[in-house]
Amino acid sequence: MRKFSTQKKEKGQSIVEMALLLPVLLLMLMGLLDFGRVYYVMVALNDAAQEGAAYAASRPSDTTGIAERAASASTGLITVSTDDVSVTIAGGTPAAGAAVTVAVQYEFTFYTPIAQTFFEGNTVTLEAETSNAIIAVR
């Protein structure tokens, strides 16, 4: 009697399954990498906005210094320019106890091809905003 062997057929089946699933797995991995990058950028933007707001609490009239302080807090993989930092003071004039708000923006570019189709121009603007009370007017 002859024994029927399925070993050769199973090897071919494994190759076909791998060929079908590998692109899906790679897209999922790239999506996870983009998600991680978005999270990293948001943490960095929050840190930059908080640093600018902390500086603005003691020197609310120094908008150039606030922008430079926030921009210098963004180090590592992203860099924020002083043009991407905006400062808003509640009531328009600096007064003790008034709120000062520092907002930082960043243009994020996706690596994943599927995410690129959802966002026009392949980028999305991420923004972080922090408010702090003015403690002294100088």
N, C-alpha and C. Protein backbone atom coordinates (compact mmCIF):
# COMPACT_ATOMS: atom_id res chain seq x y z
N MET A 1 0.81 -1.19 0.00
CA MET A 1 0.00 0.00 0.00
C MET A 1 0.86 1.25 0.00
N ARG A 2 0.31 2.18 -0.68
CA ARG A 2 1.00 3.45 -0.78
C ARG A 2 0.45 4.44 0.24
N LYS A 3 1.33 5.16 0.88
CA LYS A 3 0.89 6.21 1.80
C LYS A 3 0.85 7.53 1.06
N PHE A 4 -0.20 8.25 1.29
CA PHE A 4 -0.36 9.55 0.63
C PHE A 4 0.30 10.62 1.49
N SER A 5 1.19 11.39 0.93
CA SER A 5 1.92 12.43 1.68
C SER A 5 1.38 13.81 1.32
N THR A 6 1.05 14.58 2.33
CA THR A 6 0.56 15.95 2.12
C THR A 6 1.61 16.99 2.46
N GLN A 7 2.81 16.55 2.73
CA GLN A 7 3.85 17.48 3.15
C GLN A 7 4.16 18.52 2.07
N LYS A 8 4.26 18.13 0.82
CA LYS A 8 4.57 19.07 -0.24
C LYS A 8 3.45 20.08 -0.43
N LYS A 9 2.22 19.64 -0.34
CA LYS A 9 1.09 20.55 -0.49
C LYS A 9 1.04 21.56 0.65
N GLU A 10 1.39 21.13 1.86
CA GLU A 10 1.36 22.04 3.00
C GLU A 10 2.45 23.11 2.88
N LYS A 11 3.58 22.77 2.32
CA LYS A 11 4.63 23.78 2.13
C LYS A 11 4.17 24.85 1.16
N GLY A 12 3.53 24.48 0.12
CA GLY A 12 3.01 25.44 -0.84
C GLY A 12 1.92 26.31 -0.24
N GLN A 13 1.10 25.71 0.60
CA GLN A 13 0.03 26.45 1.25
C GLN A 13 0.61 27.51 2.19
N SER A 14 1.66 27.19 2.90
CA SER A 14 2.28 28.14 3.82
C SER A 14 2.85 29.34 3.06
N ILE A 15 3.43 29.10 1.92
CA ILE A 15 3.99 30.19 1.12
C ILE A 15 2.88 31.12 0.63
N VAL A 16 1.78 30.54 0.17
CA VAL A 16 0.65 31.35 -0.30
C VAL A 16 0.06 32.17 0.84
N GLU A 17 -0.13 31.56 2.01
CA GLU A 17 -0.67 32.28 3.16
C GLU A 17 0.25 33.44 3.56
N MET A 18 1.55 33.18 3.56
CA MET A 18 2.51 34.22 3.92
C MET A 18 2.49 35.36 2.89
N ALA A 19 2.39 35.01 1.62
CA ALA A 19 2.34 36.04 0.57
C ALA A 19 1.09 36.89 0.69
N LEU A 20 -0.01 36.32 1.12
CA LEU A 20 -1.25 37.08 1.27
C LEU A 20 -1.26 37.94 2.53
N LEU A 21 -0.69 37.47 3.60
CA LEU A 21 -0.76 38.18 4.88
C LEU A 21 0.39 39.16 5.12
N LEU A 22 1.52 38.96 4.48
CA LEU A 22 2.67 39.82 4.73
C LEU A 22 2.39 41.30 4.42
N PRO A 23 1.77 41.67 3.31
CA PRO A 23 1.49 43.09 3.08
C PRO A 23 0.55 43.68 4.14
N VAL A 24 -0.42 42.91 4.57
CA VAL A 24 -1.34 43.39 5.60
C VAL A 24 -0.60 43.62 6.91
N LEU A 25 0.26 42.69 7.28
CA LEU A 25 1.04 42.82 8.51
C LEU A 25 1.99 44.01 8.45
N LEU A 26 2.61 44.22 7.29
CA LEU A 26 3.53 45.36 7.15
C LEU A 26 2.79 46.69 7.24
N LEU A 27 1.59 46.78 6.65
CA LEU A 27 0.80 48.00 6.75
C LEU A 27 0.38 48.27 8.20
N MET A 28 0.03 47.20 8.91
CA MET A 28 -0.33 47.37 10.32
C MET A 28 0.87 47.85 11.14
N LEU A 29 2.03 47.31 10.86
CA LEU A 29 3.24 47.71 11.57
C LEU A 29 3.58 49.17 11.28
N MET A 30 3.46 49.58 10.02
CA MET A 30 3.73 50.98 9.67
C MET A 30 2.71 51.91 10.33
N GLY A 31 1.45 51.47 10.41
CA GLY A 31 0.43 52.26 11.09
C GLY A 31 0.74 52.43 12.56
N LEU A 32 1.21 51.36 13.19
CA LEU A 32 1.60 51.45 14.60
C LEU A 32 2.79 52.39 14.78
N LEU A 33 3.72 52.37 13.85
CA LEU A 33 4.86 53.29 13.93
C LEU A 33 4.40 54.73 13.80
N ASP A 34 3.48 55.00 12.88
CA ASP A 34 2.94 56.35 12.74
C ASP A 34 2.20 56.78 14.00
N PHE A 35 1.42 55.88 14.59
CA PHE A 35 0.71 56.20 15.82
C PHE A 35 1.70 56.54 16.94
N GLY A 36 2.77 55.78 17.04
CA GLY A 36 3.81 56.07 18.04
C GLY A 36 4.47 57.42 17.79
N ARG A 37 4.70 57.74 16.53
CA ARG A 37 5.30 59.03 16.20
C ARG A 37 4.36 60.18 16.55
N VAL A 38 3.05 60.01 16.30
CA VAL A 38 2.08 61.05 16.65
C VAL A 38 2.07 61.26 18.16
N TYR A 39 2.11 60.18 18.91
CA TYR A 39 2.13 60.28 20.37
C TYR A 39 3.40 61.01 20.84
N TYR A 40 4.54 60.66 20.26
CA TYR A 40 5.80 61.32 20.63
C TYR A 40 5.73 62.82 20.34
N VAL A 41 5.22 63.19 19.19
CA VAL A 41 5.11 64.60 18.81
C VAL A 41 4.18 65.34 19.77
N MET A 42 3.05 64.71 20.12
CA MET A 42 2.11 65.37 21.03
C MET A 42 2.73 65.59 22.41
N VAL A 43 3.50 64.63 22.90
CA VAL A 43 4.17 64.80 24.19
C VAL A 43 5.19 65.94 24.10
N ALA A 44 5.95 65.99 23.02
CA ALA A 44 6.94 67.05 22.84
C ALA A 44 6.28 68.42 22.72
N LEU A 45 5.14 68.50 22.01
CA LEU A 45 4.44 69.77 21.87
C LEU A 45 3.86 70.22 23.21
N ASN A 46 3.31 69.29 23.99
CA ASN A 46 2.80 69.64 25.31
C ASN A 46 3.92 70.16 26.20
N ASP A 47 5.08 69.52 26.15
CA ASP A 47 6.22 69.98 26.94
C ASP A 47 6.65 71.39 26.52
N ALA A 48 6.69 71.64 25.23
CA ALA A 48 7.09 72.96 24.73
C ALA A 48 6.09 74.02 25.15
N ALA A 49 4.80 73.72 25.05
CA ALA A 49 3.77 74.68 25.45
C ALA A 49 3.83 74.95 26.95
N GLN A 50 4.05 73.92 27.74
CA GLN A 50 4.15 74.10 29.19
C GLN A 50 5.37 74.93 29.57
N GLU A 51 6.47 74.71 28.88
CA GLU A 51 7.67 75.49 29.16
C GLU A 51 7.45 76.96 28.80
N GLY A 52 6.81 77.21 27.67
CA GLY A 52 6.50 78.58 27.29
C GLY A 52 5.54 79.24 28.26
N ALA A 53 4.53 78.51 28.74
CA ALA A 53 3.56 79.07 29.69
C ALA A 53 4.21 79.34 31.04
N ALA A 54 5.12 78.50 31.45
CA ALA A 54 5.83 78.74 32.71
C ALA A 54 6.66 80.02 32.63
N TYR A 55 7.31 80.23 31.51
CA TYR A 55 8.08 81.46 31.30
C TYR A 55 7.15 82.67 31.21
N ALA A 56 6.01 82.48 30.54
CA ALA A 56 5.06 83.58 30.35
C ALA A 56 4.41 84.02 31.65
N ALA A 57 4.35 83.15 32.64
CA ALA A 57 3.73 83.51 33.92
C ALA A 57 4.51 84.62 34.62
N SER A 58 5.81 84.66 34.41
CA SER A 58 6.61 85.70 35.07
C SER A 58 6.98 86.84 34.13
N ARG A 59 6.94 86.60 32.82
CA ARG A 59 7.29 87.64 31.84
C ARG A 59 6.26 87.65 30.70
N PRO A 60 5.03 88.05 30.96
CA PRO A 60 3.98 87.96 29.93
C PRO A 60 4.14 88.93 28.77
N SER A 61 4.89 90.00 28.95
CA SER A 61 5.05 90.98 27.87
C SER A 61 6.13 90.57 26.87
N ASP A 62 6.98 89.64 27.24
CA ASP A 62 8.11 89.22 26.41
C ASP A 62 7.67 88.08 25.47
N THR A 63 6.89 88.41 24.43
CA THR A 63 6.38 87.38 23.54
C THR A 63 7.49 86.70 22.74
N THR A 64 8.53 87.45 22.40
CA THR A 64 9.67 86.84 21.69
C THR A 64 10.38 85.84 22.58
N GLY A 65 10.58 86.19 23.83
CA GLY A 65 11.22 85.28 24.78
C GLY A 65 10.38 84.05 25.05
N ILE A 66 9.06 84.23 25.11
CA ILE A 66 8.16 83.09 25.33
C ILE A 66 8.26 82.13 24.15
N ALA A 67 8.23 82.66 22.94
CA ALA A 67 8.32 81.81 21.74
C ALA A 67 9.67 81.11 21.67
N GLU A 68 10.75 81.82 22.02
CA GLU A 68 12.08 81.19 21.99
C GLU A 68 12.19 80.11 23.06
N ARG A 69 11.61 80.36 24.23
CA ARG A 69 11.67 79.36 25.31
C ARG A 69 10.89 78.11 24.92
N ALA A 70 9.73 78.27 24.33
CA ALA A 70 8.94 77.12 23.89
C ALA A 70 9.64 76.37 22.76
N ALA A 71 10.21 77.11 21.82
CA ALA A 71 10.90 76.46 20.69
C ALA A 71 12.15 75.73 21.16
N SER A 72 12.85 76.27 22.15
CA SER A 72 14.07 75.60 22.63
C SER A 72 13.75 74.35 23.44
N ALA A 73 12.53 74.25 23.93
CA ALA A 73 12.13 73.05 24.69
C ALA A 73 11.86 71.87 23.77
N SER A 74 11.67 72.11 22.49
CA SER A 74 11.42 71.01 21.55
C SER A 74 12.75 70.53 20.99
N THR A 75 13.20 69.42 21.51
CA THR A 75 14.47 68.84 21.04
C THR A 75 14.21 67.40 20.66
N GLY A 76 15.19 66.79 20.07
CA GLY A 76 15.04 65.39 19.69
C GLY A 76 14.63 65.27 18.24
N LEU A 77 13.60 64.50 17.98
CA LEU A 77 13.18 64.22 16.61
C LEU A 77 12.38 65.34 15.97
N ILE A 78 11.81 66.23 16.78
CA ILE A 78 11.06 67.35 16.20
C ILE A 78 11.66 68.66 16.68
N THR A 79 11.55 69.65 15.83
CA THR A 79 11.96 71.00 16.21
C THR A 79 10.85 71.96 15.84
N VAL A 80 10.52 72.82 16.77
CA VAL A 80 9.47 73.81 16.57
C VAL A 80 10.15 75.15 16.38
N SER A 81 9.71 75.90 15.38
CA SER A 81 10.26 77.23 15.17
C SER A 81 9.46 78.24 15.99
N THR A 82 10.03 79.41 16.18
CA THR A 82 9.33 80.45 16.95
C THR A 82 8.08 80.94 16.22
N ASP A 83 8.02 80.75 14.91
CA ASP A 83 6.82 81.14 14.14
C ASP A 83 5.62 80.24 14.45
N ASP A 84 5.88 79.04 14.96
CA ASP A 84 4.81 78.09 15.26
C ASP A 84 4.26 78.26 16.67
N VAL A 85 4.74 79.24 17.41
CA VAL A 85 4.30 79.48 18.79
C VAL A 85 3.45 80.75 18.82
N SER A 86 2.26 80.65 19.42
CA SER A 86 1.42 81.84 19.57
C SER A 86 1.10 82.05 21.05
N VAL A 87 1.02 83.33 21.44
CA VAL A 87 0.78 83.70 22.84
C VAL A 87 -0.49 84.55 22.89
N THR A 88 -1.41 84.20 23.78
CA THR A 88 -2.64 84.94 23.96
C THR A 88 -2.80 85.28 25.44
N ILE A 89 -3.10 86.53 25.73
CA ILE A 89 -3.33 86.97 27.11
C ILE A 89 -4.80 87.31 27.26
N ALA A 90 -5.44 86.75 28.29
CA ALA A 90 -6.86 87.01 28.54
C ALA A 90 -7.03 88.49 28.89
N GLY A 91 -7.96 89.13 28.22
CA GLY A 91 -8.20 90.55 28.47
C GLY A 91 -7.31 91.45 27.63
N GLY A 92 -6.31 90.88 26.95
CA GLY A 92 -5.46 91.65 26.06
C GLY A 92 -4.26 92.30 26.71
N THR A 93 -4.36 92.69 27.98
CA THR A 93 -3.22 93.33 28.65
C THR A 93 -2.76 92.45 29.81
N PRO A 94 -1.45 92.35 30.00
CA PRO A 94 -0.93 91.53 31.10
C PRO A 94 -1.28 92.14 32.46
N ALA A 95 -1.88 91.34 33.30
CA ALA A 95 -2.20 91.74 34.68
C ALA A 95 -2.05 90.52 35.56
N ALA A 96 -1.65 90.75 36.80
CA ALA A 96 -1.48 89.64 37.74
C ALA A 96 -2.79 88.89 37.90
N GLY A 97 -2.72 87.58 37.78
CA GLY A 97 -3.90 86.74 37.90
C GLY A 97 -4.59 86.43 36.59
N ALA A 98 -4.30 87.19 35.53
CA ALA A 98 -4.90 86.92 34.23
C ALA A 98 -4.26 85.67 33.62
N ALA A 99 -4.98 85.04 32.74
CA ALA A 99 -4.47 83.82 32.11
C ALA A 99 -3.68 84.15 30.85
N VAL A 100 -2.57 83.47 30.70
CA VAL A 100 -1.78 83.57 29.48
C VAL A 100 -1.76 82.18 28.86
N THR A 101 -2.03 82.11 27.57
CA THR A 101 -2.12 80.83 26.86
C THR A 101 -1.03 80.76 25.80
N VAL A 102 -0.31 79.65 25.80
CA VAL A 102 0.74 79.42 24.81
C VAL A 102 0.32 78.21 23.98
N ALA A 103 0.26 78.40 22.66
CA ALA A 103 -0.10 77.32 21.73
C ALA A 103 1.08 77.05 20.80
N VAL A 104 1.36 75.76 20.59
CA VAL A 104 2.46 75.34 19.73
C VAL A 104 1.90 74.42 18.65
N GLN A 105 2.27 74.67 17.39
CA GLN A 105 1.81 73.87 16.26
C GLN A 105 2.97 73.15 15.60
N TYR A 106 2.65 72.03 14.94
CA TYR A 106 3.65 71.24 14.22
C TYR A 106 2.99 70.54 13.05
N GLU A 107 3.61 70.58 11.90
CA GLU A 107 3.12 69.87 10.71
C GLU A 107 3.68 68.45 10.73
N PHE A 108 2.81 67.47 10.91
CA PHE A 108 3.20 66.07 11.00
C PHE A 108 3.01 65.39 9.65
N THR A 109 4.01 64.64 9.21
CA THR A 109 3.95 63.91 7.94
C THR A 109 3.87 62.41 8.22
N PHE A 110 2.91 61.75 7.59
CA PHE A 110 2.72 60.32 7.79
C PHE A 110 3.65 59.52 6.89
N TYR A 111 4.04 58.33 7.35
CA TYR A 111 4.83 57.40 6.56
C TYR A 111 3.95 56.33 5.91
N THR A 112 2.83 56.01 6.55
CA THR A 112 1.97 54.94 6.07
C THR A 112 1.20 55.38 4.82
N PRO A 113 1.27 54.60 3.75
CA PRO A 113 0.57 54.99 2.52
C PRO A 113 -0.95 55.12 2.69
N ILE A 114 -1.56 54.27 3.49
CA ILE A 114 -3.01 54.34 3.68
C ILE A 114 -3.37 55.62 4.44
N ALA A 115 -2.60 55.98 5.45
CA ALA A 115 -2.88 57.22 6.19
C ALA A 115 -2.69 58.44 5.30
N GLN A 116 -1.78 58.36 4.35
CA GLN A 116 -1.55 59.48 3.43
C GLN A 116 -2.77 59.76 2.57
N THR A 117 -3.56 58.74 2.28
CA THR A 117 -4.74 58.96 1.44
C THR A 117 -5.86 59.66 2.21
N PHE A 118 -5.88 59.53 3.54
CA PHE A 118 -6.93 60.16 4.33
C PHE A 118 -6.67 61.64 4.60
N PHE A 119 -5.43 62.05 4.55
CA PHE A 119 -5.08 63.43 4.87
C PHE A 119 -4.55 64.12 3.62
N GLU A 120 -5.17 65.22 3.29
CA GLU A 120 -4.80 65.97 2.09
C GLU A 120 -3.40 66.54 2.25
N GLY A 121 -2.58 66.34 1.27
CA GLY A 121 -1.22 66.85 1.31
C GLY A 121 -0.29 66.03 2.17
N ASN A 122 -0.73 64.86 2.66
CA ASN A 122 0.11 63.95 3.41
C ASN A 122 0.52 64.49 4.78
N THR A 123 -0.03 65.62 5.22
CA THR A 123 0.33 66.17 6.52
C THR A 123 -0.92 66.53 7.32
N VAL A 124 -0.74 66.65 8.61
CA VAL A 124 -1.79 67.10 9.50
C VAL A 124 -1.13 68.03 10.53
N THR A 125 -1.85 69.08 10.92
CA THR A 125 -1.32 70.02 11.89
C THR A 125 -1.71 69.57 13.29
N LEU A 126 -0.71 69.31 14.12
CA LEU A 126 -0.93 68.96 15.51
C LEU A 126 -0.70 70.20 16.36
N GLU A 127 -1.50 70.36 17.41
CA GLU A 127 -1.38 71.56 18.24
C GLU A 127 -1.53 71.19 19.70
N ALA A 128 -0.72 71.84 20.53
CA ALA A 128 -0.82 71.71 21.98
C ALA A 128 -0.96 73.11 22.56
N GLU A 129 -1.77 73.21 23.61
CA GLU A 129 -2.07 74.52 24.19
C GLU A 129 -2.04 74.40 25.71
N THR A 130 -1.40 75.36 26.36
CA THR A 130 -1.33 75.37 27.82
C THR A 130 -1.58 76.78 28.33
N SER A 131 -2.35 76.86 29.41
CA SER A 131 -2.63 78.16 30.04
C SER A 131 -2.00 78.19 31.43
N ASN A 132 -1.62 79.38 31.83
CA ASN A 132 -1.03 79.58 33.14
C ASN A 132 -1.43 80.96 33.64
N ALA A 133 -1.50 81.13 34.93
CA ALA A 133 -1.84 82.42 35.51
C ALA A 133 -0.60 83.30 35.60
N ILE A 134 -0.75 84.57 35.28
CA ILE A 134 0.36 85.52 35.36
C ILE A 134 0.61 85.82 36.84
N ILE A 135 1.87 85.64 37.28
CA ILE A 135 2.19 85.89 38.68
C ILE A 135 2.82 87.26 38.89
N ALA A 136 3.44 87.79 37.85
CA ALA A 136 4.06 89.11 37.97
C ALA A 136 4.12 89.74 36.60
N VAL A 137 3.99 91.07 36.58
CA VAL A 137 4.10 91.80 35.32
C VAL A 137 5.40 92.57 35.35
N ARG A 138 6.26 92.28 34.37
CA ARG A 138 7.56 92.98 34.30
C ARG A 138 7.64 93.82 33.06
